[in-house]
Amino acid sequence: MIALVDATFHHQDIRRALGHPRTVPPDRLARNLPLVPGNPRLGAGRRIRGLRLSATDVEWQHGDGQEVTGPGEALLMAMTGRVAAVDDLAGPGKATLAQRIR
């Protein structure tokens, strides 16, 4: 499953850098999102500790604390350390997440 997650966020890295947005299919997001927080290779655990992440376009939430909301793709990208995704997020925990990414 790490190959699916890895391919998804690296694909989005390229598309975002080129200014060619792509909507990740909801079923792919729903499959990817739960795999990221607990994977130590991705470093998401330290970035999202004490935050509650809630996707606005797919059924997914994770954690407790100040909320960070946004599209599942932006949450995936932020959890994996992509600063460009922070602008697509909202909520009282956004600043904390942004600081941890930078």
PDB file of N, CA and C in Angstrom:
ATOM      1  N   MET A   1       0.813  -1.201   0.000  1.00  0.00           N
ATOM      2  CA  MET A   1       0.000   0.000   0.000  1.00  0.00           C
ATOM      3  C   MET A   1       0.857   1.266   0.000  1.00  0.00           C
ATOM      4  N   ILE A   2       2.093   1.167   0.516  1.00  0.00           N
ATOM      5  CA  ILE A   2       2.936   2.356   0.526  1.00  0.00           C
ATOM      6  C   ILE A   2       3.227   2.819  -0.902  1.00  0.00           C
ATOM      7  N   ALA A   3       3.272   1.897  -1.843  1.00  0.00           N
ATOM      8  CA  ALA A   3       3.512   2.286  -3.239  1.00  0.00           C
ATOM      9  C   ALA A   3       2.364   3.146  -3.765  1.00  0.00           C
ATOM     10  N   LEU A   4       1.141   2.816  -3.391  1.00  0.00           N
ATOM     11  CA  LEU A   4      -0.014   3.614  -3.810  1.00  0.00           C
ATOM     12  C   LEU A   4       0.061   5.015  -3.211  1.00  0.00           C
ATOM     13  N   VAL A   5       0.350   5.095  -1.929  1.00  0.00           N
ATOM     14  CA  VAL A   5       0.458   6.395  -1.264  1.00  0.00           C
ATOM     15  C   VAL A   5       1.597   7.203  -1.884  1.00  0.00           C
ATOM     16  N   ASP A   6       2.743   6.578  -2.037  1.00  0.00           N
ATOM     17  CA  ASP A   6       3.915   7.233  -2.589  1.00  0.00           C
ATOM     18  C   ASP A   6       3.642   7.756  -4.004  1.00  0.00           C
ATOM     19  N   ALA A   7       3.065   6.931  -4.835  1.00  0.00           N
ATOM     20  CA  ALA A   7       2.754   7.349  -6.205  1.00  0.00           C
ATOM     21  C   ALA A   7       1.752   8.497  -6.223  1.00  0.00           C
ATOM     22  N   THR A   8       0.789   8.457  -5.337  1.00  0.00           N
ATOM     23  CA  THR A   8      -0.234   9.500  -5.303  1.00  0.00           C
ATOM     24  C   THR A   8       0.359  10.846  -4.940  1.00  0.00           C
ATOM     25  N   PHE A   9       1.129  10.916  -3.863  1.00  0.00           N
ATOM     26  CA  PHE A   9       1.616  12.243  -3.477  1.00  0.00           C
ATOM     27  C   PHE A   9       2.751  12.733  -4.365  1.00  0.00           C
ATOM     28  N   HIS A  10       3.567  11.835  -4.901  1.00  0.00           N
ATOM     29  CA  HIS A  10       4.608  12.298  -5.825  1.00  0.00           C
ATOM     30  C   HIS A  10       3.998  12.777  -7.146  1.00  0.00           C
ATOM     31  N   HIS A  11       2.952  12.116  -7.575  1.00  0.00           N
ATOM     32  CA  HIS A  11       2.227  12.555  -8.772  1.00  0.00           C
ATOM     33  C   HIS A  11       1.675  13.965  -8.557  1.00  0.00           C
ATOM     34  N   GLN A  12       1.111  14.196  -7.391  1.00  0.00           N
ATOM     35  CA  GLN A  12       0.576  15.518  -7.079  1.00  0.00           C
ATOM     36  C   GLN A  12       1.693  16.553  -6.925  1.00  0.00           C
ATOM     37  N   ASP A  13       2.852  16.155  -6.420  1.00  0.00           N
ATOM     38  CA  ASP A  13       3.999  17.068  -6.352  1.00  0.00           C
ATOM     39  C   ASP A  13       4.292  17.640  -7.739  1.00  0.00           C
ATOM     40  N   ILE A  14       4.354  16.780  -8.711  1.00  0.00           N
ATOM     41  CA  ILE A  14       4.675  17.190 -10.075  1.00  0.00           C
ATOM     42  C   ILE A  14       3.567  18.062 -10.648  1.00  0.00           C
ATOM     43  N   ARG A  15       2.330  17.627 -10.508  1.00  0.00           N
ATOM     44  CA  ARG A  15       1.203  18.374 -11.072  1.00  0.00           C
ATOM     45  C   ARG A  15       1.080  19.756 -10.434  1.00  0.00           C
ATOM     46  N   ARG A  16       1.226  19.825  -9.118  1.00  0.00           N
ATOM     47  CA  ARG A  16       1.134  21.123  -8.442  1.00  0.00           C
ATOM     48  C   ARG A  16       2.252  22.055  -8.912  1.00  0.00           C
ATOM     49  N   ALA A  17       3.472  21.533  -9.032  1.00  0.00           N
ATOM     50  CA  ALA A  17       4.598  22.357  -9.458  1.00  0.00           C
ATOM     51  C   ALA A  17       4.416  22.897 -10.882  1.00  0.00           C
ATOM     52  N   LEU A  18       3.772  22.121 -11.723  1.00  0.00           N
ATOM     53  CA  LEU A  18       3.549  22.532 -13.108  1.00  0.00           C
ATOM     54  C   LEU A  18       2.269  23.350 -13.292  1.00  0.00           C
ATOM     55  N   GLY A  19       1.494  23.481 -12.225  1.00  0.00           N
ATOM     56  CA  GLY A  19       0.238  24.221 -12.316  1.00  0.00           C
ATOM     57  C   GLY A  19      -0.847  23.470 -13.069  1.00  0.00           C
ATOM     58  N   HIS A  20      -0.792  22.148 -13.014  1.00  0.00           N
ATOM     59  CA  HIS A  20      -1.785  21.294 -13.678  1.00  0.00           C
ATOM     60  C   HIS A  20      -2.570  20.518 -12.620  1.00  0.00           C
ATOM     61  N   PRO A  21      -3.544  21.163 -12.009  1.00  0.00           N
ATOM     62  CA  PRO A  21      -4.280  20.479 -10.935  1.00  0.00           C
ATOM     63  C   PRO A  21      -5.009  19.240 -11.436  1.00  0.00           C
ATOM     64  N   ARG A  22      -5.141  18.291 -10.556  1.00  0.00           N
ATOM     65  CA  ARG A  22      -5.861  17.060 -10.856  1.00  0.00           C
ATOM     66  C   ARG A  22      -6.608  16.642  -9.599  1.00  0.00           C
ATOM     67  N   THR A  23      -7.835  16.287  -9.775  1.00  0.00           N
ATOM     68  CA  THR A  23      -8.616  15.777  -8.657  1.00  0.00           C
ATOM     69  C   THR A  23      -8.308  14.295  -8.497  1.00  0.00           C
ATOM     70  N   VAL A  24      -7.837  13.935  -7.322  1.00  0.00           N
ATOM     71  CA  VAL A  24      -7.579  12.527  -7.024  1.00  0.00           C
ATOM     72  C   VAL A  24      -8.934  11.866  -6.816  1.00  0.00           C
ATOM     73  N   PRO A  25      -9.186  10.742  -7.473  1.00  0.00           N
ATOM     74  CA  PRO A  25     -10.477  10.065  -7.301  1.00  0.00           C
ATOM     75  C   PRO A  25     -10.778   9.801  -5.818  1.00  0.00           C
ATOM     76  N   PRO A  26     -12.016  10.051  -5.410  1.00  0.00           N
ATOM     77  CA  PRO A  26     -12.385   9.886  -3.994  1.00  0.00           C
ATOM     78  C   PRO A  26     -12.066   8.505  -3.427  1.00  0.00           C
ATOM     79  N   ASP A  27     -12.247   7.465  -4.206  1.00  0.00           N
ATOM     80  CA  ASP A  27     -11.963   6.124  -3.677  1.00  0.00           C
ATOM     81  C   ASP A  27     -10.467   5.952  -3.410  1.00  0.00           C
ATOM     82  N   ARG A  28      -9.622   6.576  -4.210  1.00  0.00           N
ATOM     83  CA  ARG A  28      -8.175   6.514  -3.992  1.00  0.00           C
ATOM     84  C   ARG A  28      -7.794   7.304  -2.737  1.00  0.00           C
ATOM     85  N   LEU A  29      -8.399   8.478  -2.577  1.00  0.00           N
ATOM     86  CA  LEU A  29      -8.135   9.264  -1.362  1.00  0.00           C
ATOM     87  C   LEU A  29      -8.569   8.504  -0.117  1.00  0.00           C
ATOM     88  N   ALA A  30      -9.756   7.926  -0.178  1.00  0.00           N
ATOM     89  CA  ALA A  30     -10.282   7.183   0.972  1.00  0.00           C
ATOM     90  C   ALA A  30      -9.374   6.016   1.338  1.00  0.00           C
ATOM     91  N   ARG A  31      -8.709   5.450   0.363  1.00  0.00           N
ATOM     92  CA  ARG A  31      -7.791   4.338   0.606  1.00  0.00           C
ATOM     93  C   ARG A  31      -6.431   4.825   1.122  1.00  0.00           C
ATOM     94  N   ASN A  32      -5.978   5.968   0.621  1.00  0.00           N
ATOM     95  CA  ASN A  32      -4.672   6.514   0.976  1.00  0.00           C
ATOM     96  C   ASN A  32      -4.628   7.173   2.350  1.00  0.00           C
ATOM     97  N   LEU A  33      -5.610   7.991   2.646  1.00  0.00           N
ATOM     98  CA  LEU A  33      -5.567   8.820   3.855  1.00  0.00           C
ATOM     99  C   LEU A  33      -5.324   8.035   5.144  1.00  0.00           C
ATOM    100  N   PRO A  34      -6.000   6.919   5.387  1.00  0.00           N
ATOM    101  CA  PRO A  34      -5.760   6.199   6.645  1.00  0.00           C
ATOM    102  C   PRO A  34      -4.366   5.587   6.757  1.00  0.00           C
ATOM    103  N   LEU A  35      -3.678   5.438   5.646  1.00  0.00           N
ATOM    104  CA  LEU A  35      -2.360   4.799   5.646  1.00  0.00           C
ATOM    105  C   LEU A  35      -1.226   5.748   6.039  1.00  0.00           C
ATOM    106  N   VAL A  36      -1.469   7.040   5.949  1.00  0.00           N
ATOM    107  CA  VAL A  36      -0.395   8.016   6.129  1.00  0.00           C
ATOM    108  C   VAL A  36      -0.043   8.296   7.594  1.00  0.00           C
ATOM    109  N   PRO A  37      -1.002   8.555   8.480  1.00  0.00           N
ATOM    110  CA  PRO A  37      -0.630   8.959   9.850  1.00  0.00           C
ATOM    111  C   PRO A  37       0.268   7.981  10.598  1.00  0.00           C
ATOM    112  N   GLY A  38       0.084   6.717  10.414  1.00  0.00           N
ATOM    113  CA  GLY A  38       0.852   5.733  11.169  1.00  0.00           C
ATOM    114  C   GLY A  38       2.116   5.242  10.491  1.00  0.00           C
ATOM    115  N   ASN A  39       2.435   5.762   9.319  1.00  0.00           N
ATOM    116  CA  ASN A  39       3.621   5.295   8.608  1.00  0.00           C
ATOM    117  C   ASN A  39       4.835   6.132   9.013  1.00  0.00           C
ATOM    118  N   PRO A  40       5.768   5.541   9.757  1.00  0.00           N
ATOM    119  CA  PRO A  40       6.909   6.323  10.251  1.00  0.00           C
ATOM    120  C   PRO A  40       7.813   6.857   9.136  1.00  0.00           C
ATOM    121  N   ARG A  41       7.839   6.226   7.989  1.00  0.00           N
ATOM    122  CA  ARG A  41       8.679   6.697   6.880  1.00  0.00           C
ATOM    123  C   ARG A  41       8.219   8.043   6.339  1.00  0.00           C
ATOM    124  N   LEU A  42       6.942   8.346   6.488  1.00  0.00           N
ATOM    125  CA  LEU A  42       6.401   9.583   5.928  1.00  0.00           C
ATOM    126  C   LEU A  42       6.487  10.761   6.897  1.00  0.00           C
ATOM    127  N   GLY A  43       6.724  10.489   8.159  1.00  0.00           N
ATOM    128  CA  GLY A  43       6.883  11.559   9.140  1.00  0.00           C
ATOM    129  C   GLY A  43       5.607  12.296   9.505  1.00  0.00           C
ATOM    130  N   ALA A  44       4.468  11.773   9.114  1.00  0.00           N
ATOM    131  CA  ALA A  44       3.210  12.465   9.375  1.00  0.00           C
ATOM    132  C   ALA A  44       2.877  12.541  10.860  1.00  0.00           C
ATOM    133  N   GLY A  45       3.232  11.526  11.610  1.00  0.00           N
ATOM    134  CA  GLY A  45       2.880  11.478  13.026  1.00  0.00           C
ATOM    135  C   GLY A  45       3.319  12.705  13.794  1.00  0.00           C
ATOM    136  N   ARG A  46       4.545  13.142  13.569  1.00  0.00           N
ATOM    137  CA  ARG A  46       5.048  14.316  14.299  1.00  0.00           C
ATOM    138  C   ARG A  46       4.413  15.602  13.783  1.00  0.00           C
ATOM    139  N   ARG A  47       4.005  15.639  12.532  1.00  0.00           N
ATOM    140  CA  ARG A  47       3.377  16.843  11.978  1.00  0.00           C
ATOM    141  C   ARG A  47       1.941  17.023  12.466  1.00  0.00           C
ATOM    142  N   ILE A  48       1.235  15.920  12.670  1.00  0.00           N
ATOM    143  CA  ILE A  48      -0.196  16.022  12.976  1.00  0.00           C
ATOM    144  C   ILE A  48      -0.532  15.720  14.430  1.00  0.00           C
ATOM    145  N   ARG A  49       0.462  15.448  15.245  1.00  0.00           N
ATOM    146  CA  ARG A  49       0.223  15.144  16.665  1.00  0.00           C
ATOM    147  C   ARG A  49      -0.564  16.277  17.323  1.00  0.00           C
ATOM    148  N   GLY A  50      -1.633  15.942  18.025  1.00  0.00           N
ATOM    149  CA  GLY A  50      -2.438  16.930  18.725  1.00  0.00           C
ATOM    150  C   GLY A  50      -3.386  17.709  17.839  1.00  0.00           C
ATOM    151  N   LEU A  51      -3.565  17.253  16.597  1.00  0.00           N
ATOM    152  CA  LEU A  51      -4.483  17.918  15.673  1.00  0.00           C
ATOM    153  C   LEU A  51      -5.552  16.935  15.226  1.00  0.00           C
ATOM    154  N   ARG A  52      -6.699  17.469  14.880  1.00  0.00           N
ATOM    155  CA  ARG A  52      -7.768  16.659  14.298  1.00  0.00           C
ATOM    156  C   ARG A  52      -7.893  17.072  12.842  1.00  0.00           C
ATOM    157  N   LEU A  53      -7.652  16.146  11.952  1.00  0.00           N
ATOM    158  CA  LEU A  53      -7.764  16.406  10.527  1.00  0.00           C
ATOM    159  C   LEU A  53      -9.103  15.879  10.028  1.00  0.00           C
ATOM    160  N   SER A  54      -9.792  16.685   9.235  1.00  0.00           N
ATOM    161  CA  SER A  54     -11.094  16.307   8.696  1.00  0.00           C
ATOM    162  C   SER A  54     -11.156  16.672   7.224  1.00  0.00           C
ATOM    163  N   ALA A  55     -11.351  15.657   6.387  1.00  0.00           N
ATOM    164  CA  ALA A  55     -11.492  15.895   4.952  1.00  0.00           C
ATOM    165  C   ALA A  55     -12.890  16.432   4.664  1.00  0.00           C
ATOM    166  N   THR A  56     -12.962  17.361   3.740  1.00  0.00           N
ATOM    167  CA  THR A  56     -14.248  17.961   3.382  1.00  0.00           C
ATOM    168  C   THR A  56     -14.866  17.323   2.147  1.00  0.00           C
ATOM    169  N   ASP A  57     -14.116  16.474   1.462  1.00  0.00           N
ATOM    170  CA  ASP A  57     -14.631  15.894   0.217  1.00  0.00           C
ATOM    171  C   ASP A  57     -14.763  14.373   0.251  1.00  0.00           C
ATOM    172  N   VAL A  58     -14.190  13.739   1.248  1.00  0.00           N
ATOM    173  CA  VAL A  58     -14.344  12.298   1.454  1.00  0.00           C
ATOM    174  C   VAL A  58     -14.573  12.066   2.934  1.00  0.00           C
ATOM    175  N   GLU A  59     -15.073  10.908   3.274  1.00  0.00           N
ATOM    176  CA  GLU A  59     -15.361  10.576   4.666  1.00  0.00           C
ATOM    177  C   GLU A  59     -14.075  10.124   5.346  1.00  0.00           C
ATOM    178  N   TRP A  60     -13.390  11.057   6.005  1.00  0.00           N
ATOM    179  CA  TRP A  60     -12.156  10.720   6.714  1.00  0.00           C
ATOM    180  C   TRP A  60     -11.853  11.778   7.758  1.00  0.00           C
ATOM    181  N   GLN A  61     -11.539  11.302   8.957  1.00  0.00           N
ATOM    182  CA  GLN A  61     -11.080  12.142  10.057  1.00  0.00           C
ATOM    183  C   GLN A  61      -9.993  11.369  10.787  1.00  0.00           C
ATOM    184  N   HIS A  62      -9.119  12.136  11.426  1.00  0.00           N
ATOM    185  CA  HIS A  62      -8.057  11.501  12.201  1.00  0.00           C
ATOM    186  C   HIS A  62      -7.619  12.428  13.323  1.00  0.00           C
ATOM    187  N   GLY A  63      -7.414  11.856  14.497  1.00  0.00           N
ATOM    188  CA  GLY A  63      -6.804  12.573  15.605  1.00  0.00           C
ATOM    189  C   GLY A  63      -7.745  13.362  16.473  1.00  0.00           C
ATOM    190  N   ASP A  64      -7.142  14.022  17.460  1.00  0.00           N
ATOM    191  CA  ASP A  64      -7.863  14.847  18.420  1.00  0.00           C
ATOM    192  C   ASP A  64      -7.083  16.143  18.613  1.00  0.00           C
ATOM    193  N   GLY A  65      -7.809  17.202  18.866  1.00  0.00           N
ATOM    194  CA  GLY A  65      -7.168  18.491  19.114  1.00  0.00           C
ATOM    195  C   GLY A  65      -7.730  19.557  18.202  1.00  0.00           C
ATOM    196  N   GLN A  66      -6.938  20.592  17.963  1.00  0.00           N
ATOM    197  CA  GLN A  66      -7.383  21.669  17.088  1.00  0.00           C
ATOM    198  C   GLN A  66      -7.613  21.109  15.691  1.00  0.00           C
ATOM    199  N   GLU A  67      -8.709  21.540  15.092  1.00  0.00           N
ATOM    200  CA  GLU A  67      -9.100  20.973  13.805  1.00  0.00           C
ATOM    201  C   GLU A  67      -8.404  21.645  12.628  1.00  0.00           C
ATOM    202  N   VAL A  68      -8.068  20.817  11.648  1.00  0.00           N
ATOM    203  CA  VAL A  68      -7.581  21.252  10.346  1.00  0.00           C
ATOM    204  C   VAL A  68      -8.498  20.594   9.328  1.00  0.00           C
ATOM    205  N   THR A  69      -9.126  21.401   8.478  1.00  0.00           N
ATOM    206  CA  THR A  69     -10.057  20.864   7.493  1.00  0.00           C
ATOM    207  C   THR A  69      -9.599  21.237   6.088  1.00  0.00           C
ATOM    208  N   GLY A  70     -10.052  20.446   5.142  1.00  0.00           N
ATOM    209  CA  GLY A  70      -9.758  20.740   3.749  1.00  0.00           C
ATOM    210  C   GLY A  70      -9.948  19.516   2.887  1.00  0.00           C
ATOM    211  N   PRO A  71      -9.710  19.668   1.600  1.00  0.00           N
ATOM    212  CA  PRO A  71      -9.817  18.522   0.694  1.00  0.00           C
ATOM    213  C   PRO A  71      -8.843  17.412   1.105  1.00  0.00           C
ATOM    214  N   GLY A  72      -9.255  16.189   0.883  1.00  0.00           N
ATOM    215  CA  GLY A  72      -8.407  15.055   1.238  1.00  0.00           C
ATOM    216  C   GLY A  72      -7.039  15.119   0.592  1.00  0.00           C
ATOM    217  N   GLU A  73      -6.975  15.584  -0.651  1.00  0.00           N
ATOM    218  CA  GLU A  73      -5.686  15.685  -1.344  1.00  0.00           C
ATOM    219  C   GLU A  73      -4.762  16.647  -0.605  1.00  0.00           C
ATOM    220  N   ALA A  74      -5.272  17.782  -0.161  1.00  0.00           N
ATOM    221  CA  ALA A  74      -4.451  18.760   0.557  1.00  0.00           C
ATOM    222  C   ALA A  74      -4.008  18.206   1.909  1.00  0.00           C
ATOM    223  N   LEU A  75      -4.873  17.485   2.590  1.00  0.00           N
ATOM    224  CA  LEU A  75      -4.492  16.868   3.859  1.00  0.00           C
ATOM    225  C   LEU A  75      -3.403  15.821   3.642  1.00  0.00           C
ATOM    226  N   LEU A  76      -3.545  15.010   2.602  1.00  0.00           N
ATOM    227  CA  LEU A  76      -2.529  14.017   2.264  1.00  0.00           C
ATOM    228  C   LEU A  76      -1.187  14.693   2.014  1.00  0.00           C
ATOM    229  N   MET A  77      -1.205  15.740   1.221  1.00  0.00           N
ATOM    230  CA  MET A  77       0.027  16.445   0.882  1.00  0.00           C
ATOM    231  C   MET A  77       0.647  17.108   2.116  1.00  0.00           C
ATOM    232  N   ALA A  78      -0.173  17.718   2.949  1.00  0.00           N
ATOM    233  CA  ALA A  78       0.336  18.364   4.159  1.00  0.00           C
ATOM    234  C   ALA A  78       0.912  17.339   5.132  1.00  0.00           C
ATOM    235  N   MET A  79       0.230  16.214   5.302  1.00  0.00           N
ATOM    236  CA  MET A  79       0.748  15.181   6.206  1.00  0.00           C
ATOM    237  C   MET A  79       2.111  14.674   5.754  1.00  0.00           C
ATOM    238  N   THR A  80       2.346  14.691   4.442  1.00  0.00           N
ATOM    239  CA  THR A  80       3.622  14.210   3.914  1.00  0.00           C
ATOM    240  C   THR A  80       4.635  15.342   3.751  1.00  0.00           C
ATOM    241  N   GLY A  81       4.332  16.511   4.330  1.00  0.00           N
ATOM    242  CA  GLY A  81       5.307  17.587   4.413  1.00  0.00           C
ATOM    243  C   GLY A  81       5.331  18.575   3.266  1.00  0.00           C
ATOM    244  N   ARG A  82       4.267  18.642   2.497  1.00  0.00           N
ATOM    245  CA  ARG A  82       4.226  19.561   1.352  1.00  0.00           C
ATOM    246  C   ARG A  82       3.624  20.890   1.770  1.00  0.00           C
ATOM    247  N   VAL A  83       4.455  21.910   1.854  1.00  0.00           N
ATOM    248  CA  VAL A  83       4.028  23.227   2.311  1.00  0.00           C
ATOM    249  C   VAL A  83       3.014  23.859   1.357  1.00  0.00           C
ATOM    250  N   ALA A  84       3.092  23.545   0.084  1.00  0.00           N
ATOM    251  CA  ALA A  84       2.177  24.135  -0.904  1.00  0.00           C
ATOM    252  C   ALA A  84       0.717  23.786  -0.619  1.00  0.00           C
ATOM    253  N   ALA A  85       0.467  22.699   0.076  1.00  0.00           N
ATOM    254  CA  ALA A  85      -0.900  22.276   0.347  1.00  0.00           C
ATOM    255  C   ALA A  85      -1.553  23.058   1.479  1.00  0.00           C
ATOM    256  N   VAL A  86      -0.768  23.732   2.302  1.00  0.00           N
ATOM    257  CA  VAL A  86      -1.295  24.433   3.478  1.00  0.00           C
ATOM    258  C   VAL A  86      -2.321  25.497   3.086  1.00  0.00           C
ATOM    259  N   ASP A  87      -2.116  26.173   1.977  1.00  0.00           N
ATOM    260  CA  ASP A  87      -3.057  27.213   1.545  1.00  0.00           C
ATOM    261  C   ASP A  87      -4.453  26.671   1.271  1.00  0.00           C
ATOM    262  N   ASP A  88      -4.567  25.373   1.021  1.00  0.00           N
ATOM    263  CA  ASP A  88      -5.867  24.756   0.735  1.00  0.00           C
ATOM    264  C   ASP A  88      -6.583  24.285   2.002  1.00  0.00           C
ATOM    265  N   LEU A  89      -5.987  24.527   3.160  1.00  0.00           N
ATOM    266  CA  LEU A  89      -6.548  24.054   4.427  1.00  0.00           C
ATOM    267  C   LEU A  89      -7.104  25.207   5.246  1.00  0.00           C
ATOM    268  N   ALA A  90      -7.892  24.866   6.251  1.00  0.00           N
ATOM    269  CA  ALA A  90      -8.506  25.862   7.135  1.00  0.00           C
ATOM    270  C   ALA A  90      -8.595  25.271   8.539  1.00  0.00           C
ATOM    271  N   GLY A  91      -8.973  26.121   9.474  1.00  0.00           N
ATOM    272  CA  GLY A  91      -9.222  25.671  10.837  1.00  0.00           C
ATOM    273  C   GLY A  91      -8.194  26.184  11.821  1.00  0.00           C
ATOM    274  N   PRO A  92      -8.535  26.089  13.099  1.00  0.00           N
ATOM    275  CA  PRO A  92      -7.668  26.623  14.141  1.00  0.00           C
ATOM    276  C   PRO A  92      -6.317  25.918  14.262  1.00  0.00           C
ATOM    277  N   GLY A  93      -6.193  24.692  13.748  1.00  0.00           N
ATOM    278  CA  GLY A  93      -4.925  23.976  13.808  1.00  0.00           C
ATOM    279  C   GLY A  93      -4.034  24.186  12.591  1.00  0.00           C
ATOM    280  N   LYS A  94      -4.521  24.951  11.629  1.00  0.00           N
ATOM    281  CA  LYS A  94      -3.765  25.162  10.386  1.00  0.00           C
ATOM    282  C   LYS A  94      -2.383  25.778  10.645  1.00  0.00           C
ATOM    283  N   ALA A  95      -2.310  26.793  11.485  1.00  0.00           N
ATOM    284  CA  ALA A  95      -1.035  27.456  11.746  1.00  0.00           C
ATOM    285  C   ALA A  95      -0.026  26.489  12.389  1.00  0.00           C
ATOM    286  N   THR A  96      -0.498  25.643  13.288  1.00  0.00           N
ATOM    287  CA  THR A  96       0.381  24.661  13.928  1.00  0.00           C
ATOM    288  C   THR A  96       0.925  23.696  12.897  1.00  0.00           C
ATOM    289  N   LEU A  97       0.051  23.177  12.045  1.00  0.00           N
ATOM    290  CA  LEU A  97       0.481  22.255  11.001  1.00  0.00           C
ATOM    291  C   LEU A  97       1.467  22.937  10.058  1.00  0.00           C
ATOM    292  N   ALA A  98       1.162  24.141   9.659  1.00  0.00           N
ATOM    293  CA  ALA A  98       2.048  24.881   8.740  1.00  0.00           C
ATOM    294  C   ALA A  98       3.436  25.059   9.369  1.00  0.00           C
ATOM    295  N   GLN A  99       3.484  25.388  10.638  1.00  0.00           N
ATOM    296  CA  GLN A  99       4.767  25.585  11.330  1.00  0.00           C
ATOM    297  C   GLN A  99       5.566  24.281  11.368  1.00  0.00           C
ATOM    298  N   ARG A 100       4.883  23.183  11.590  1.00  0.00           N
ATOM    299  CA  ARG A 100       5.568  21.885  11.665  1.00  0.00           C
ATOM    300  C   ARG A 100       6.088  21.439  10.294  1.00  0.00           C
ATOM    301  N   ILE A 101       5.433  21.851   9.240  1.00  0.00           N
ATOM    302  CA  ILE A 101       5.887  21.500   7.891  1.00  0.00           C
ATOM    303  C   ILE A 101       7.103  22.340   7.532  1.00  0.00           C
ATOM    304  N   ARG A 102       7.047  23.616   7.843  1.00  0.00           N
ATOM    305  CA  ARG A 102       8.160  24.514   7.490  1.00  0.00           C
ATOM    306  C   ARG A 102       9.344  24.222   8.354  1.00  0.00           C
TER     307      ARG A 102
END
